């Protein structure tokens, strides 16, 4: 099992144990690959849920650019909802897990097909 496969397994475990979500492994794999090399960097692989700048980056770079969503208050509401589901006190909020949950939230799985 390669490093990426190990990370995908870790993300799946987080979705199951911390978020109560049974992941679609195919989609989770595609979202993880879409994150690129950032998944291998300790700082870039996580999202600081309490930092407004970080949440803006998720909104602008992922929701608007990658998923093609129009800007609006529902984007930040969705990000906050996902952070809440993951657990605000959870120290390591993995970017791939958050992106996966946002992709599912907005029904944008087709972006990865």
C-alpha atoms as a PDB file:
ATOM      1  CA  UNK A   1       0.000   0.000   0.000  1.00  0.00           C
ATOM      2  CA  UNK A   2       1.419   3.365  -1.060  1.00  0.00           C
ATOM      3  CA  UNK A   3       1.522   6.565   0.966  1.00  0.00           C
ATOM      4  CA  UNK A   4      -1.534   7.992  -0.847  1.00  0.00           C
ATOM      5  CA  UNK A   5      -3.543   4.820  -0.144  1.00  0.00           C
ATOM      6  CA  UNK A   6      -2.600   5.048   3.531  1.00  0.00           C
ATOM      7  CA  UNK A   7      -3.803   8.657   3.641  1.00  0.00           C
ATOM      8  CA  UNK A   8      -7.074   7.773   1.880  1.00  0.00           C
ATOM      9  CA  UNK A   9      -7.637   5.017   4.471  1.00  0.00           C
ATOM     10  CA  UNK A  10      -6.957   7.555   7.257  1.00  0.00           C
ATOM     11  CA  UNK A  11      -9.434  10.028   5.692  1.00  0.00           C
ATOM     12  CA  UNK A  12     -12.065   7.279   5.371  1.00  0.00           C
ATOM     13  CA  UNK A  13     -11.536   6.409   9.033  1.00  0.00           C
ATOM     14  CA  UNK A  14     -12.027  10.076  10.000  1.00  0.00           C
ATOM     15  CA  UNK A  15     -15.260  10.236   7.982  1.00  0.00           C
ATOM     16  CA  UNK A  16     -16.584   7.110   9.708  1.00  0.00           C
ATOM     17  CA  UNK A  17     -15.377   7.649  13.275  1.00  0.00           C
ATOM     18  CA  UNK A  18     -15.476  11.455  13.622  1.00  0.00           C
ATOM     19  CA  UNK A  19     -18.199  12.493  11.180  1.00  0.00           C
ATOM     20  CA  UNK A  20     -20.492   9.473  11.188  1.00  0.00           C
ATOM     21  CA  UNK A  21     -20.364   9.296   7.385  1.00  0.00           C
ATOM     22  CA  UNK A  22     -19.900   6.120   5.354  1.00  0.00           C
ATOM     23  CA  UNK A  23     -17.607   7.353   2.559  1.00  0.00           C
ATOM     24  CA  UNK A  24     -17.926   6.708  -1.157  1.00  0.00           C
ATOM     25  CA  UNK A  25     -14.352   5.429  -1.548  1.00  0.00           C
ATOM     26  CA  UNK A  26     -14.224   6.179  -5.274  1.00  0.00           C
ATOM     27  CA  UNK A  27     -15.168   9.824  -4.705  1.00  0.00           C
ATOM     28  CA  UNK A  28     -12.885  10.123  -1.662  1.00  0.00           C
ATOM     29  CA  UNK A  29      -9.986   8.837  -3.774  1.00  0.00           C
ATOM     30  CA  UNK A  30     -10.731  11.358  -6.543  1.00  0.00           C
ATOM     31  CA  UNK A  31     -11.058  14.254  -4.084  1.00  0.00           C
ATOM     32  CA  UNK A  32      -7.769  13.238  -2.437  1.00  0.00           C
ATOM     33  CA  UNK A  33      -5.993  13.071  -5.811  1.00  0.00           C
ATOM     34  CA  UNK A  34      -7.515  16.473  -6.619  1.00  0.00           C
ATOM     35  CA  UNK A  35      -5.810  17.953  -3.550  1.00  0.00           C
ATOM     36  CA  UNK A  36      -2.484  17.227  -5.234  1.00  0.00           C
ATOM     37  CA  UNK A  37       0.808  17.179  -3.347  1.00  0.00           C
ATOM     38  CA  UNK A  38      -0.648  19.216  -0.451  1.00  0.00           C
ATOM     39  CA  UNK A  39      -1.810  15.951   1.190  1.00  0.00           C
ATOM     40  CA  UNK A  40       1.842  15.091   1.897  1.00  0.00           C
ATOM     41  CA  UNK A  41       2.571  18.409   3.649  1.00  0.00           C
ATOM     42  CA  UNK A  42       1.659  18.459   7.356  1.00  0.00           C
ATOM     43  CA  UNK A  43       0.487  22.093   7.286  1.00  0.00           C
ATOM     44  CA  UNK A  44      -1.204  22.139   3.867  1.00  0.00           C
ATOM     45  CA  UNK A  45      -2.997  18.808   4.407  1.00  0.00           C
ATOM     46  CA  UNK A  46      -5.146  20.257   7.199  1.00  0.00           C
ATOM     47  CA  UNK A  47      -7.616  23.126   7.449  1.00  0.00           C
ATOM     48  CA  UNK A  48      -7.428  25.482  10.431  1.00  0.00           C
ATOM     49  CA  UNK A  49     -11.144  25.717  11.125  1.00  0.00           C
ATOM     50  CA  UNK A  50     -10.793  28.681  13.471  1.00  0.00           C
ATOM     51  CA  UNK A  51      -8.849  30.897  11.043  1.00  0.00           C
ATOM     52  CA  UNK A  52     -11.075  33.105   8.855  1.00  0.00           C
ATOM     53  CA  UNK A  53      -8.348  33.442   6.169  1.00  0.00           C
ATOM     54  CA  UNK A  54      -8.135  29.670   5.864  1.00  0.00           C
ATOM     55  CA  UNK A  55     -11.908  29.346   5.490  1.00  0.00           C
ATOM     56  CA  UNK A  56     -11.888  32.090   2.813  1.00  0.00           C
ATOM     57  CA  UNK A  57      -9.261  30.080   0.932  1.00  0.00           C
ATOM     58  CA  UNK A  58     -11.465  26.965   1.070  1.00  0.00           C
ATOM     59  CA  UNK A  59     -14.387  29.044  -0.193  1.00  0.00           C
ATOM     60  CA  UNK A  60     -12.501  30.790  -3.015  1.00  0.00           C
ATOM     61  CA  UNK A  61     -10.128  28.060  -4.177  1.00  0.00           C
ATOM     62  CA  UNK A  62     -12.305  25.016  -3.717  1.00  0.00           C
ATOM     63  CA  UNK A  63     -15.996  25.915  -3.690  1.00  0.00           C
ATOM     64  CA  UNK A  64     -15.879  28.697  -6.269  1.00  0.00           C
ATOM     65  CA  UNK A  65     -12.936  27.702  -8.458  1.00  0.00           C
ATOM     66  CA  UNK A  66     -13.015  23.893  -8.356  1.00  0.00           C
ATOM     67  CA  UNK A  67     -16.731  23.235  -7.843  1.00  0.00           C
ATOM     68  CA  UNK A  68     -17.838  26.310  -9.824  1.00  0.00           C
ATOM     69  CA  UNK A  69     -20.257  27.626  -7.201  1.00  0.00           C
ATOM     70  CA  UNK A  70     -21.369  31.270  -7.109  1.00  0.00           C
ATOM     71  CA  UNK A  71     -20.332  33.312  -4.080  1.00  0.00           C
ATOM     72  CA  UNK A  72     -22.973  33.712  -1.415  1.00  0.00           C
ATOM     73  CA  UNK A  73     -23.560  33.324   2.323  1.00  0.00           C
ATOM     74  CA  UNK A  74     -24.517  29.652   1.841  1.00  0.00           C
ATOM     75  CA  UNK A  75     -20.880  28.808   0.985  1.00  0.00           C
ATOM     76  CA  UNK A  76     -19.501  29.931   4.352  1.00  0.00           C
ATOM     77  CA  UNK A  77     -22.533  28.390   6.087  1.00  0.00           C
ATOM     78  CA  UNK A  78     -21.699  25.047   4.439  1.00  0.00           C
ATOM     79  CA  UNK A  79     -18.025  25.300   5.443  1.00  0.00           C
ATOM     80  CA  UNK A  80     -19.014  26.049   9.054  1.00  0.00           C
ATOM     81  CA  UNK A  81     -21.489  23.156   9.008  1.00  0.00           C
ATOM     82  CA  UNK A  82     -18.786  20.755   7.776  1.00  0.00           C
ATOM     83  CA  UNK A  83     -16.327  22.017  10.432  1.00  0.00           C
ATOM     84  CA  UNK A  84     -19.068  21.484  13.049  1.00  0.00           C
ATOM     85  CA  UNK A  85     -19.693  17.921  11.795  1.00  0.00           C
ATOM     86  CA  UNK A  86     -15.949  17.169  11.858  1.00  0.00           C
ATOM     87  CA  UNK A  87     -15.764  18.553  15.395  1.00  0.00           C
ATOM     88  CA  UNK A  88     -14.507  22.039  16.229  1.00  0.00           C
ATOM     89  CA  UNK A  89     -12.201  20.590  18.881  1.00  0.00           C
ATOM     90  CA  UNK A  90     -10.713  18.107  16.405  1.00  0.00           C
ATOM     91  CA  UNK A  91      -7.150  19.328  15.939  1.00  0.00           C
ATOM     92  CA  UNK A  92      -6.403  17.713  12.561  1.00  0.00           C
ATOM     93  CA  UNK A  93      -9.164  18.540  10.123  1.00  0.00           C
ATOM     94  CA  UNK A  94      -7.895  17.003   6.922  1.00  0.00           C
ATOM     95  CA  UNK A  95      -8.404  19.080   3.779  1.00  0.00           C
ATOM     96  CA  UNK A  96      -9.425  16.033   1.715  1.00  0.00           C
ATOM     97  CA  UNK A  97     -12.124  15.120   4.266  1.00  0.00           C
ATOM     98  CA  UNK A  98     -13.507  18.675   4.330  1.00  0.00           C
ATOM     99  CA  UNK A  99     -13.452  18.889   0.514  1.00  0.00           C
ATOM    100  CA  UNK A 100     -15.181  15.495   0.306  1.00  0.00           C
ATOM    101  CA  UNK A 101     -17.957  16.598   2.678  1.00  0.00           C
ATOM    102  CA  UNK A 102     -18.401  19.902   0.808  1.00  0.00           C
ATOM    103  CA  UNK A 103     -18.553  18.073  -2.539  1.00  0.00           C
ATOM    104  CA  UNK A 104     -21.299  15.821  -1.135  1.00  0.00           C
ATOM    105  CA  UNK A 105     -23.079  18.767   0.539  1.00  0.00           C
ATOM    106  CA  UNK A 106     -23.418  20.638  -2.751  1.00  0.00           C
ATOM    107  CA  UNK A 107     -24.074  17.505  -4.829  1.00  0.00           C
ATOM    108  CA  UNK A 108     -21.068  18.268  -7.035  1.00  0.00           C
ATOM    109  CA  UNK A 109     -19.740  14.709  -7.380  1.00  0.00           C
ATOM    110  CA  UNK A 110     -19.927  15.134 -11.168  1.00  0.00           C
ATOM    111  CA  UNK A 111     -16.901  17.479 -10.975  1.00  0.00           C
ATOM    112  CA  UNK A 112     -14.817  14.375 -10.214  1.00  0.00           C
ATOM    113  CA  UNK A 113     -16.306  11.995 -12.786  1.00  0.00           C
END
